[in-house]
PDB file of N, CA and C in Angstrom:
ATOM      1  N   MET A   1      19.119  -7.410   1.106  1.00  0.00           N
ATOM      2  CA  MET A   1      17.860  -7.946   0.500  1.00  0.00           C
ATOM      3  C   MET A   1      17.915  -7.660  -0.946  1.00  0.00           C
ATOM      4  N   SER A   2      18.203  -8.670  -1.766  1.00  0.00           N
ATOM      5  CA  SER A   2      18.319  -8.382  -3.158  1.00  0.00           C
ATOM      6  C   SER A   2      17.052  -8.953  -3.923  1.00  0.00           C
ATOM      7  N   ASN A   3      16.319  -9.793  -3.234  1.00  0.00           N
ATOM      8  CA  ASN A   3      15.212 -10.426  -3.920  1.00  0.00           C
ATOM      9  C   ASN A   3      13.928  -9.600  -3.816  1.00  0.00           C
ATOM     10  N   THR A   4      13.211  -9.353  -4.871  1.00  0.00           N
ATOM     11  CA  THR A   4      11.935  -8.594  -4.790  1.00  0.00           C
ATOM     12  C   THR A   4      10.969  -9.193  -3.884  1.00  0.00           C
ATOM     13  N   ASN A   5      10.874 -10.493  -3.832  1.00  0.00           N
ATOM     14  CA  ASN A   5       9.916 -11.264  -2.928  1.00  0.00           C
ATOM     15  C   ASN A   5      10.270 -10.997  -1.467  1.00  0.00           C
ATOM     16  N   ASP A   6      11.575 -10.942  -1.148  1.00  0.00           N
ATOM     17  CA  ASP A   6      11.992 -10.598   0.152  1.00  0.00           C
ATOM     18  C   ASP A   6      11.468  -9.282   0.643  1.00  0.00           C
ATOM     19  N   LEU A   7      11.654  -8.285  -0.320  1.00  0.00           N
ATOM     20  CA  LEU A   7      11.196  -6.922  -0.063  1.00  0.00           C
ATOM     21  C   LEU A   7       9.666  -6.843   0.224  1.00  0.00           C
ATOM     22  N   LEU A   8       8.950  -7.546  -0.586  1.00  0.00           N
ATOM     23  CA  LEU A   8       7.551  -7.537  -0.507  1.00  0.00           C
ATOM     24  C   LEU A   8       7.086  -8.274   0.785  1.00  0.00           C
ATOM     25  N   ASP A   9       7.772  -9.300   1.222  1.00  0.00           N
ATOM     26  CA  ASP A   9       7.462  -9.956   2.438  1.00  0.00           C
ATOM     27  C   ASP A   9       7.777  -9.098   3.665  1.00  0.00           C
ATOM     28  N   LEU A  10       8.853  -8.318   3.586  1.00  0.00           N
ATOM     29  CA  LEU A  10       9.200  -7.334   4.628  1.00  0.00           C
ATOM     30  C   LEU A  10       8.129  -6.265   4.781  1.00  0.00           C
ATOM     31  N   ILE A  11       7.672  -5.773   3.628  1.00  0.00           N
ATOM     32  CA  ILE A  11       6.620  -4.758   3.597  1.00  0.00           C
ATOM     33  C   ILE A  11       5.343  -5.286   4.227  1.00  0.00           C
ATOM     34  N   GLU A  12       4.927  -6.422   3.868  1.00  0.00           N
ATOM     35  CA  GLU A  12       3.723  -7.015   4.411  1.00  0.00           C
ATOM     36  C   GLU A  12       3.820  -7.256   5.939  1.00  0.00           C
ATOM     37  N   LEU A  13       4.987  -7.822   6.350  1.00  0.00           N
ATOM     38  CA  LEU A  13       5.204  -8.098   7.800  1.00  0.00           C
ATOM     39  C   LEU A  13       5.193  -6.940   8.650  1.00  0.00           C
ATOM     40  N   LYS A  14       5.953  -5.867   8.189  1.00  0.00           N
ATOM     41  CA  LYS A  14       6.045  -4.681   8.977  1.00  0.00           C
ATOM     42  C   LYS A  14       4.684  -3.932   9.074  1.00  0.00           C
ATOM     43  N   GLN A  15       3.951  -3.921   7.956  1.00  0.00           N
ATOM     44  CA  GLN A  15       2.746  -3.152   8.046  1.00  0.00           C
ATOM     45  C   GLN A  15       1.594  -3.882   8.738  1.00  0.00           C
ATOM     46  N   SER A  16       1.646  -5.232   8.654  1.00  0.00           N
ATOM     47  CA  SER A  16       0.555  -5.967   9.365  1.00  0.00           C
ATOM     48  C   SER A  16       0.768  -5.965  10.868  1.00  0.00           C
ATOM     49  N   LYS A  17       2.017  -6.138  11.340  1.00  0.00           N
ATOM     50  CA  LYS A  17       2.246  -6.283  12.699  1.00  0.00           C
ATOM     51  C   LYS A  17       2.371  -4.969  13.519  1.00  0.00           C
ATOM     52  N   ASN A  18       3.070  -4.030  12.888  1.00  0.00           N
ATOM     53  CA  ASN A  18       3.307  -2.845  13.638  1.00  0.00           C
ATOM     54  C   ASN A  18       2.382  -1.657  13.405  1.00  0.00           C
ATOM     55  N   LEU A  19       1.567  -1.712  12.319  1.00  0.00           N
ATOM     56  CA  LEU A  19       0.673  -0.718  11.970  1.00  0.00           C
ATOM     57  C   LEU A  19       1.465   0.610  11.669  1.00  0.00           C
ATOM     58  N   LYS A  20       2.625   0.502  11.157  1.00  0.00           N
ATOM     59  CA  LYS A  20       3.433   1.651  10.825  1.00  0.00           C
ATOM     60  C   LYS A  20       3.567   1.579   9.293  1.00  0.00           C
ATOM     61  N   TYR A  21       3.971   2.746   8.689  1.00  0.00           N
ATOM     62  CA  TYR A  21       4.127   2.781   7.262  1.00  0.00           C
ATOM     63  C   TYR A  21       5.490   2.887   6.918  1.00  0.00           C
ATOM     64  N   ILE A  22       5.940   2.041   5.949  1.00  0.00           N
ATOM     65  CA  ILE A  22       7.368   1.994   5.554  1.00  0.00           C
ATOM     66  C   ILE A  22       7.695   3.157   4.652  1.00  0.00           C
ATOM     67  N   LEU A  23       8.845   3.776   4.896  1.00  0.00           N
ATOM     68  CA  LEU A  23       9.333   4.868   4.063  1.00  0.00           C
ATOM     69  C   LEU A  23      10.077   4.346   2.897  1.00  0.00           C
ATOM     70  N   VAL A  24       9.869   4.874   1.674  1.00  0.00           N
ATOM     71  CA  VAL A  24      10.606   4.491   0.506  1.00  0.00           C
ATOM     72  C   VAL A  24      11.086   5.780  -0.146  1.00  0.00           C
ATOM     73  N   LYS A  25      12.253   5.605  -0.796  1.00  0.00           N
ATOM     74  CA  LYS A  25      12.771   6.775  -1.550  1.00  0.00           C
ATOM     75  C   LYS A  25      12.781   6.427  -3.025  1.00  0.00           C
ATOM     76  N   SER A  26      12.229   7.320  -3.836  1.00  0.00           N
ATOM     77  CA  SER A  26      12.125   7.097  -5.246  1.00  0.00           C
ATOM     78  C   SER A  26      13.639   7.186  -5.810  1.00  0.00           C
ATOM     79  N   THR A  27      13.966   6.150  -6.678  1.00  0.00           N
ATOM     80  CA  THR A  27      15.322   6.141  -7.293  1.00  0.00           C
ATOM     81  C   THR A  27      15.254   6.343  -8.740  1.00  0.00           C
ATOM     82  N   ALA A  28      14.090   6.399  -9.379  1.00  0.00           N
ATOM     83  CA  ALA A  28      13.966   6.679 -10.828  1.00  0.00           C
ATOM     84  C   ALA A  28      12.758   7.477 -11.093  1.00  0.00           C
ATOM     85  N   GLY A  29      12.744   8.149 -12.271  1.00  0.00           N
ATOM     86  CA  GLY A  29      11.601   8.954 -12.717  1.00  0.00           C
ATOM     87  C   GLY A  29      11.752  10.367 -12.337  1.00  0.00           C
ATOM     88  N   HIS A  30      10.727  11.150 -12.655  1.00  0.00           N
ATOM     89  CA  HIS A  30      10.735  12.575 -12.351  1.00  0.00           C
ATOM     90  C   HIS A  30      10.695  12.925 -10.865  1.00  0.00           C
ATOM     91  N   ASP A  31      10.264  11.928 -10.126  1.00  0.00           N
ATOM     92  CA  ASP A  31      10.204  12.098  -8.665  1.00  0.00           C
ATOM     93  C   ASP A  31      11.383  11.531  -7.869  1.00  0.00           C
ATOM     94  N   LYS A  32      12.468  11.304  -8.604  1.00  0.00           N
ATOM     95  CA  LYS A  32      13.690  10.690  -8.040  1.00  0.00           C
ATOM     96  C   LYS A  32      14.108  11.552  -6.846  1.00  0.00           C
ATOM     97  N   GLY A  33      14.376  10.887  -5.734  1.00  0.00           N
ATOM     98  CA  GLY A  33      14.893  11.515  -4.557  1.00  0.00           C
ATOM     99  C   GLY A  33      13.802  11.928  -3.626  1.00  0.00           C
ATOM    100  N   SER A  34      12.539  11.759  -3.972  1.00  0.00           N
ATOM    101  CA  SER A  34      11.428  12.066  -3.139  1.00  0.00           C
ATOM    102  C   SER A  34      11.116  10.917  -2.183  1.00  0.00           C
ATOM    103  N   TRP A  35      10.518  11.222  -1.070  1.00  0.00           N
ATOM    104  CA  TRP A  35      10.168  10.215  -0.055  1.00  0.00           C
ATOM    105  C   TRP A  35       8.705   9.992  -0.051  1.00  0.00           C
ATOM    106  N   TYR A  36       8.335   8.730   0.170  1.00  0.00           N
ATOM    107  CA  TYR A  36       6.840   8.307   0.156  1.00  0.00           C
ATOM    108  C   TYR A  36       6.698   7.239   1.198  1.00  0.00           C
ATOM    109  N   VAL A  37       5.435   6.879   1.477  1.00  0.00           N
ATOM    110  CA  VAL A  37       5.149   5.716   2.230  1.00  0.00           C
ATOM    111  C   VAL A  37       4.474   4.700   1.330  1.00  0.00           C
ATOM    112  N   ILE A  38       4.674   3.464   1.694  1.00  0.00           N
ATOM    113  CA  ILE A  38       3.950   2.461   0.969  1.00  0.00           C
ATOM    114  C   ILE A  38       2.541   2.288   1.516  1.00  0.00           C
ATOM    115  N   VAL A  39       1.556   2.307   0.669  1.00  0.00           N
ATOM    116  CA  VAL A  39       0.145   2.144   1.124  1.00  0.00           C
ATOM    117  C   VAL A  39      -0.324   0.820   0.726  1.00  0.00           C
ATOM    118  N   PRO A  40      -0.673  -0.094   1.639  1.00  0.00           N
ATOM    119  CA  PRO A  40      -1.202  -1.378   1.304  1.00  0.00           C
ATOM    120  C   PRO A  40      -2.624  -1.253   0.681  1.00  0.00           C
ATOM    121  N   THR A  41      -2.776  -1.937  -0.456  1.00  0.00           N
ATOM    122  CA  THR A  41      -4.070  -1.891  -1.227  1.00  0.00           C
ATOM    123  C   THR A  41      -4.456  -3.332  -1.502  1.00  0.00           C
ATOM    124  N   ALA A  42      -5.738  -3.523  -1.875  1.00  0.00           N
ATOM    125  CA  ALA A  42      -6.183  -4.831  -2.310  1.00  0.00           C
ATOM    126  C   ALA A  42      -5.804  -5.057  -3.756  1.00  0.00           C
ATOM    127  N   GLU A  43      -5.385  -3.958  -4.475  1.00  0.00           N
ATOM    128  CA  GLU A  43      -5.037  -4.084  -5.930  1.00  0.00           C
ATOM    129  C   GLU A  43      -3.534  -4.327  -6.140  1.00  0.00           C
ATOM    130  N   SER A  44      -2.790  -4.699  -5.085  1.00  0.00           N
ATOM    131  CA  SER A  44      -1.386  -4.907  -5.215  1.00  0.00           C
ATOM    132  C   SER A  44      -1.089  -5.925  -6.195  1.00  0.00           C
ATOM    133  N   GLU A  45       0.026  -5.682  -7.042  1.00  0.00           N
ATOM    134  CA  GLU A  45       0.521  -6.602  -8.008  1.00  0.00           C
ATOM    135  C   GLU A  45       1.901  -7.000  -7.700  1.00  0.00           C
ATOM    136  N   PRO A  46       2.376  -8.207  -8.041  1.00  0.00           N
ATOM    137  CA  PRO A  46       3.780  -8.572  -7.791  1.00  0.00           C
ATOM    138  C   PRO A  46       4.684  -7.594  -8.551  1.00  0.00           C
ATOM    139  N   GLY A  47       5.702  -7.171  -7.808  1.00  0.00           N
ATOM    140  CA  GLY A  47       6.722  -6.281  -8.450  1.00  0.00           C
ATOM    141  C   GLY A  47       6.326  -4.804  -8.377  1.00  0.00           C
ATOM    142  N   PHE A  48       5.198  -4.452  -7.836  1.00  0.00           N
ATOM    143  CA  PHE A  48       4.757  -3.087  -7.797  1.00  0.00           C
ATOM    144  C   PHE A  48       4.348  -2.698  -6.353  1.00  0.00           C
ATOM    145  N   VAL A  49       4.481  -1.453  -6.015  1.00  0.00           N
ATOM    146  CA  VAL A  49       3.935  -0.922  -4.769  1.00  0.00           C
ATOM    147  C   VAL A  49       3.100   0.349  -5.042  1.00  0.00           C
ATOM    148  N   TYR A  50       2.156   0.604  -4.132  1.00  0.00           N
ATOM    149  CA  TYR A  50       1.420   1.872  -4.308  1.00  0.00           C
ATOM    150  C   TYR A  50       1.974   2.830  -3.207  1.00  0.00           C
ATOM    151  N   ILE A  51       2.309   4.055  -3.620  1.00  0.00           N
ATOM    152  CA  ILE A  51       2.883   5.051  -2.742  1.00  0.00           C
ATOM    153  C   ILE A  51       2.175   6.350  -2.681  1.00  0.00           C
ATOM    154  N   ALA A  52       2.348   7.068  -1.587  1.00  0.00           N
ATOM    155  CA  ALA A  52       1.760   8.403  -1.478  1.00  0.00           C
ATOM    156  C   ALA A  52       2.593   9.237  -0.566  1.00  0.00           C
ATOM    157  N   ASP A  53       2.540  10.602  -0.742  1.00  0.00           N
ATOM    158  CA  ASP A  53       3.207  11.472   0.096  1.00  0.00           C
ATOM    159  C   ASP A  53       2.242  12.597   0.662  1.00  0.00           C
ATOM    160  N   GLY A  54       1.032  12.582   0.297  1.00  0.00           N
ATOM    161  CA  GLY A  54       0.081  13.534   0.790  1.00  0.00           C
ATOM    162  C   GLY A  54       0.093  14.886   0.197  1.00  0.00           C
ATOM    163  N   ARG A  55       1.017  14.999  -0.733  1.00  0.00           N
ATOM    164  CA  ARG A  55       1.201  16.331  -1.451  1.00  0.00           C
ATOM    165  C   ARG A  55       0.967  16.189  -2.984  1.00  0.00           C
ATOM    166  N   ARG A  56       1.962  15.637  -3.666  1.00  0.00           N
ATOM    167  CA  ARG A  56       1.801  15.385  -5.090  1.00  0.00           C
ATOM    168  C   ARG A  56       0.925  14.130  -5.340  1.00  0.00           C
ATOM    169  N   ARG A  57       1.188  13.090  -4.508  1.00  0.00           N
ATOM    170  CA  ARG A  57       0.434  11.913  -4.610  1.00  0.00           C
ATOM    171  C   ARG A  57      -0.379  11.733  -3.313  1.00  0.00           C
ATOM    172  N   LYS A  58      -1.633  12.051  -3.482  1.00  0.00           N
ATOM    173  CA  LYS A  58      -2.541  11.966  -2.316  1.00  0.00           C
ATOM    174  C   LYS A  58      -3.078  10.505  -2.179  1.00  0.00           C
ATOM    175  N   LEU A  59      -3.697  10.298  -1.090  1.00  0.00           N
ATOM    176  CA  LEU A  59      -4.234   8.995  -0.773  1.00  0.00           C
ATOM    177  C   LEU A  59      -5.368   8.578  -1.693  1.00  0.00           C
ATOM    178  N   GLY A  60      -6.086   9.544  -2.309  1.00  0.00           N
ATOM    179  CA  GLY A  60      -7.085   9.260  -3.266  1.00  0.00           C
ATOM    180  C   GLY A  60      -6.567   8.921  -4.708  1.00  0.00           C
ATOM    181  N   THR A  61      -5.276   9.265  -4.939  1.00  0.00           N
ATOM    182  CA  THR A  61      -4.661   9.025  -6.196  1.00  0.00           C
ATOM    183  C   THR A  61      -3.243   8.461  -6.033  1.00  0.00           C
ATOM    184  N   LEU A  62      -3.187   7.196  -5.547  1.00  0.00           N
ATOM    185  CA  LEU A  62      -1.908   6.633  -5.224  1.00  0.00           C
ATOM    186  C   LEU A  62      -1.089   6.463  -6.526  1.00  0.00           C
ATOM    187  N   LYS A  63       0.179   6.462  -6.323  1.00  0.00           N
ATOM    188  CA  LYS A  63       1.112   6.261  -7.474  1.00  0.00           C
ATOM    189  C   LYS A  63       1.537   4.740  -7.510  1.00  0.00           C
ATOM    190  N   LYS A  64       1.382   4.090  -8.570  1.00  0.00           N
ATOM    191  CA  LYS A  64       1.871   2.729  -8.763  1.00  0.00           C
ATOM    192  C   LYS A  64       3.312   2.789  -9.235  1.00  0.00           C
ATOM    193  N   LYS A  65       4.225   2.195  -8.453  1.00  0.00           N
ATOM    194  CA  LYS A  65       5.636   2.316  -8.708  1.00  0.00           C
ATOM    195  C   LYS A  65       6.244   0.913  -8.745  1.00  0.00           C
ATOM    196  N   ASN A  66       7.160   0.713  -9.738  1.00  0.00           N
ATOM    197  CA  ASN A  66       7.903  -0.539  -9.826  1.00  0.00           C
ATOM    198  C   ASN A  66       8.811  -0.621  -8.581  1.00  0.00           C
ATOM    199  N   ILE A  67       8.802  -1.812  -7.932  1.00  0.00           N
ATOM    200  CA  ILE A  67       9.584  -1.991  -6.819  1.00  0.00           C
ATOM    201  C   ILE A  67      11.101  -1.772  -7.082  1.00  0.00           C
ATOM    202  N   LYS A  68      11.575  -1.936  -8.346  1.00  0.00           N
ATOM    203  CA  LYS A  68      12.925  -1.679  -8.711  1.00  0.00           C
ATOM    204  C   LYS A  68      13.232  -0.218  -8.668  1.00  0.00           C
ATOM    205  N   HIS A  69      12.310   0.654  -8.672  1.00  0.00           N
ATOM    206  CA  HIS A  69      12.525   2.024  -8.790  1.00  0.00           C
ATOM    207  C   HIS A  69      12.325   2.810  -7.405  1.00  0.00           C
ATOM    208  N   VAL A  70      12.290   2.033  -6.350  1.00  0.00           N
ATOM    209  CA  VAL A  70      12.264   2.624  -5.000  1.00  0.00           C
ATOM    210  C   VAL A  70      13.285   1.990  -4.165  1.00  0.00           C
ATOM    211  N   GLU A  71      13.803   2.688  -3.196  1.00  0.00           N
ATOM    212  CA  GLU A  71      14.713   2.173  -2.181  1.00  0.00           C
ATOM    213  C   GLU A  71      13.940   1.981  -0.917  1.00  0.00           C
ATOM    214  N   VAL A  72      13.688   0.703  -0.536  1.00  0.00           N
ATOM    215  CA  VAL A  72      12.938   0.340   0.608  1.00  0.00           C
ATOM    216  C   VAL A  72      13.896   0.572   1.848  1.00  0.00           C
ATOM    217  N   THR A  73      13.465   1.349   2.786  1.00  0.00           N
ATOM    218  CA  THR A  73      14.274   1.627   3.965  1.00  0.00           C
ATOM    219  C   THR A  73      13.699   0.880   5.142  1.00  0.00           C
ATOM    220  N   ARG A  74      14.490   0.847   6.165  1.00  0.00           N
ATOM    221  CA  ARG A  74      13.959   0.246   7.427  1.00  0.00           C
ATOM    222  C   ARG A  74      13.316   1.319   8.336  1.00  0.00           C
ATOM    223  N   LYS A  75      13.155   2.522   7.829  1.00  0.00           N
ATOM    224  CA  LYS A  75      12.473   3.562   8.559  1.00  0.00           C
ATOM    225  C   LYS A  75      10.976   3.502   8.362  1.00  0.00           C
ATOM    226  N   THR A  76      10.234   3.776   9.392  1.00  0.00           N
ATOM    227  CA  THR A  76       8.778   3.737   9.375  1.00  0.00           C
ATOM    228  C   THR A  76       8.306   5.043  10.020  1.00  0.00           C
ATOM    229  N   VAL A  77       7.092   5.359   9.624  1.00  0.00           N
ATOM    230  CA  VAL A  77       6.355   6.484  10.300  1.00  0.00           C
ATOM    231  C   VAL A  77       5.056   5.949  10.796  1.00  0.00           C
ATOM    232  N   GLU A  78       4.707   6.364  12.028  1.00  0.00           N
ATOM    233  CA  GLU A  78       3.495   5.954  12.691  1.00  0.00           C
ATOM    234  C   GLU A  78       2.536   7.184  12.668  1.00  0.00           C
ATOM    235  N   LEU A  79       1.367   6.893  12.067  1.00  0.00           N
ATOM    236  CA  LEU A  79       0.427   7.943  11.921  1.00  0.00           C
ATOM    237  C   LEU A  79      -0.811   7.734  12.810  1.00  0.00           C
ATOM    238  N   GLU A  80      -1.226   8.707  13.612  1.00  0.00           N
ATOM    239  CA  GLU A  80      -2.357   8.487  14.388  1.00  0.00           C
ATOM    240  C   GLU A  80      -3.674   8.500  13.507  1.00  0.00           C
ATOM    241  N   HIS A  81      -3.680   9.414  12.537  1.00  0.00           N
ATOM    242  CA  HIS A  81      -4.786   9.430  11.594  1.00  0.00           C
ATOM    243  C   HIS A  81      -4.204   9.316  10.147  1.00  0.00           C
ATOM    244  N   PHE A  82      -4.600   8.440   9.415  1.00  0.00           N
ATOM    245  CA  PHE A  82      -3.974   8.334   8.023  1.00  0.00           C
ATOM    246  C   PHE A  82      -4.703   9.232   7.073  1.00  0.00           C
ATOM    247  N   THR A  83      -4.228  10.510   7.003  1.00  0.00           N
ATOM    248  CA  THR A  83      -4.786  11.538   6.174  1.00  0.00           C
ATOM    249  C   THR A  83      -3.676  12.110   5.348  1.00  0.00           C
ATOM    250  N   ASP A  84      -3.980  12.830   4.325  1.00  0.00           N
ATOM    251  CA  ASP A  84      -3.016  13.533   3.525  1.00  0.00           C
ATOM    252  C   ASP A  84      -2.228  14.539   4.342  1.00  0.00           C
ATOM    253  N   LYS A  85      -2.948  15.213   5.249  1.00  0.00           N
ATOM    254  CA  LYS A  85      -2.330  16.203   6.081  1.00  0.00           C
ATOM    255  C   LYS A  85      -1.270  15.612   7.002  1.00  0.00           C
ATOM    256  N   SER A  86      -1.642  14.538   7.689  1.00  0.00           N
ATOM    257  CA  SER A  86      -0.704  13.886   8.596  1.00  0.00           C
ATOM    258  C   SER A  86       0.363  13.238   7.857  1.00  0.00           C
ATOM    259  N   LEU A  87       0.202  12.751   6.642  1.00  0.00           N
ATOM    260  CA  LEU A  87       1.260  12.172   5.829  1.00  0.00           C
ATOM    261  C   LEU A  87       2.245  13.281   5.383  1.00  0.00           C
ATOM    262  N   ARG A  88       1.773  14.427   4.977  1.00  0.00           N
ATOM    263  CA  ARG A  88       2.570  15.508   4.535  1.00  0.00           C
ATOM    264  C   ARG A  88       3.520  15.958   5.779  1.00  0.00           C
ATOM    265  N   LYS A  89       2.924  16.003   6.910  1.00  0.00           N
ATOM    266  CA  LYS A  89       3.615  16.439   8.118  1.00  0.00           C
ATOM    267  C   LYS A  89       4.715  15.439   8.428  1.00  0.00           C
ATOM    268  N   ALA A  90       4.400  14.171   8.360  1.00  0.00           N
ATOM    269  CA  ALA A  90       5.378  13.079   8.682  1.00  0.00           C
ATOM    270  C   ALA A  90       6.539  13.072   7.694  1.00  0.00           C
ATOM    271  N   LEU A  91       6.334  13.382   6.458  1.00  0.00           N
ATOM    272  CA  LEU A  91       7.329  13.281   5.373  1.00  0.00           C
ATOM    273  C   LEU A  91       8.033  14.605   5.190  1.00  0.00           C
ATOM    274  N   TRP A  92       7.575  15.671   5.772  1.00  0.00           N
ATOM    275  CA  TRP A  92       8.157  17.044   5.525  1.00  0.00           C
ATOM    276  C   TRP A  92       9.655  17.098   5.652  1.00  0.00           C
ATOM    277  N   GLU A  93      10.113  16.655   6.809  1.00  0.00           N
ATOM    278  CA  GLU A  93      11.541  16.619   7.010  1.00  0.00           C
ATOM    279  C   GLU A  93      12.383  15.795   6.077  1.00  0.00           C
ATOM    280  N   TYR A  94      11.798  14.738   5.619  1.00  0.00           N
ATOM    281  CA  TYR A  94      12.494  13.838   4.703  1.00  0.00           C
ATOM    282  C   TYR A  94      12.545  14.492   3.380  1.00  0.00           C
ATOM    283  N   ASN A  95      11.535  15.084   2.852  1.00  0.00           N
ATOM    284  CA  ASN A  95      11.471  15.715   1.519  1.00  0.00           C
ATOM    285  C   ASN A  95      12.090  17.081   1.418  1.00  0.00           C
ATOM    286  N   PHE A  96      12.014  17.887   2.525  1.00  0.00           N
ATOM    287  CA  PHE A  96      12.458  19.272   2.505  1.00  0.00           C
ATOM    288  C   PHE A  96      13.467  19.579   3.671  1.00  0.00           C
ATOM    289  N   GLY A  97      13.641  18.720   4.612  1.00  0.00           N
ATOM    290  CA  GLY A  97      14.566  19.007   5.697  1.00  0.00           C
ATOM    291  C   GLY A  97      15.953  18.364   5.557  1.00  0.00           C
ATOM    292  N   ASN A  98      16.421  18.038   6.752  1.00  0.00           N
ATOM    293  CA  ASN A  98      17.810  17.481   6.827  1.00  0.00           C
ATOM    294  C   ASN A  98      17.872  15.940   6.837  1.00  0.00           C
ATOM    295  N   PHE A  99      16.741  15.265   6.974  1.00  0.00           N
ATOM    296  CA  PHE A  99      16.711  13.877   7.041  1.00  0.00           C
ATOM    297  C   PHE A  99      17.048  13.153   5.724  1.00  0.00           C
ATOM    298  N   GLY A 100      16.483  13.658   4.641  1.00  0.00           N
ATOM    299  CA  GLY A 100      16.673  13.055   3.377  1.00  0.00           C
ATOM    300  C   GLY A 100      17.456  13.984   2.458  1.00  0.00           C
ATOM    301  N   GLU A 101      18.159  13.378   1.524  1.00  0.00           N
ATOM    302  CA  GLU A 101      18.980  14.138   0.539  1.00  0.00           C
ATOM    303  C   GLU A 101      18.167  14.022  -0.816  1.00  0.00           C
ATOM    304  N   ARG A 102      17.736  15.137  -1.282  1.00  0.00           N
ATOM    305  CA  ARG A 102      17.059  15.112  -2.565  1.00  0.00           C
ATOM    306  C   ARG A 102      18.024  15.097  -3.779  1.00  0.00           C
ATOM    307  N   GLY A 103      17.599  14.439  -4.786  1.00  0.00           N
ATOM    308  CA  GLY A 103      18.454  14.537  -6.039  1.00  0.00           C
ATOM    309  C   GLY A 103      19.185  13.338  -6.422  1.00  0.00           C
TER     310      GLY A 103
END
């Protein structure tokens, strides 16, 4: 998938049908290598996504990130309750464990 519109369509499709949150990895900026989930918002703009990790970027202060600066994965996390605590727990292994490689 090289087209930004294809990525955005995939994001909308996965989140609307499966009620799961798509994992993305930051590829640029001071947070390069960190894992986040895409949070659907009414304020979405073409070419940008809003992301959170429950730790540095909480649900109350989402980070607006250029879609070119994240690697959209086919991995999803399913959260019973969408809270900062459950988000931190779901992303812990990706950010600090063996699932994801930082840096």
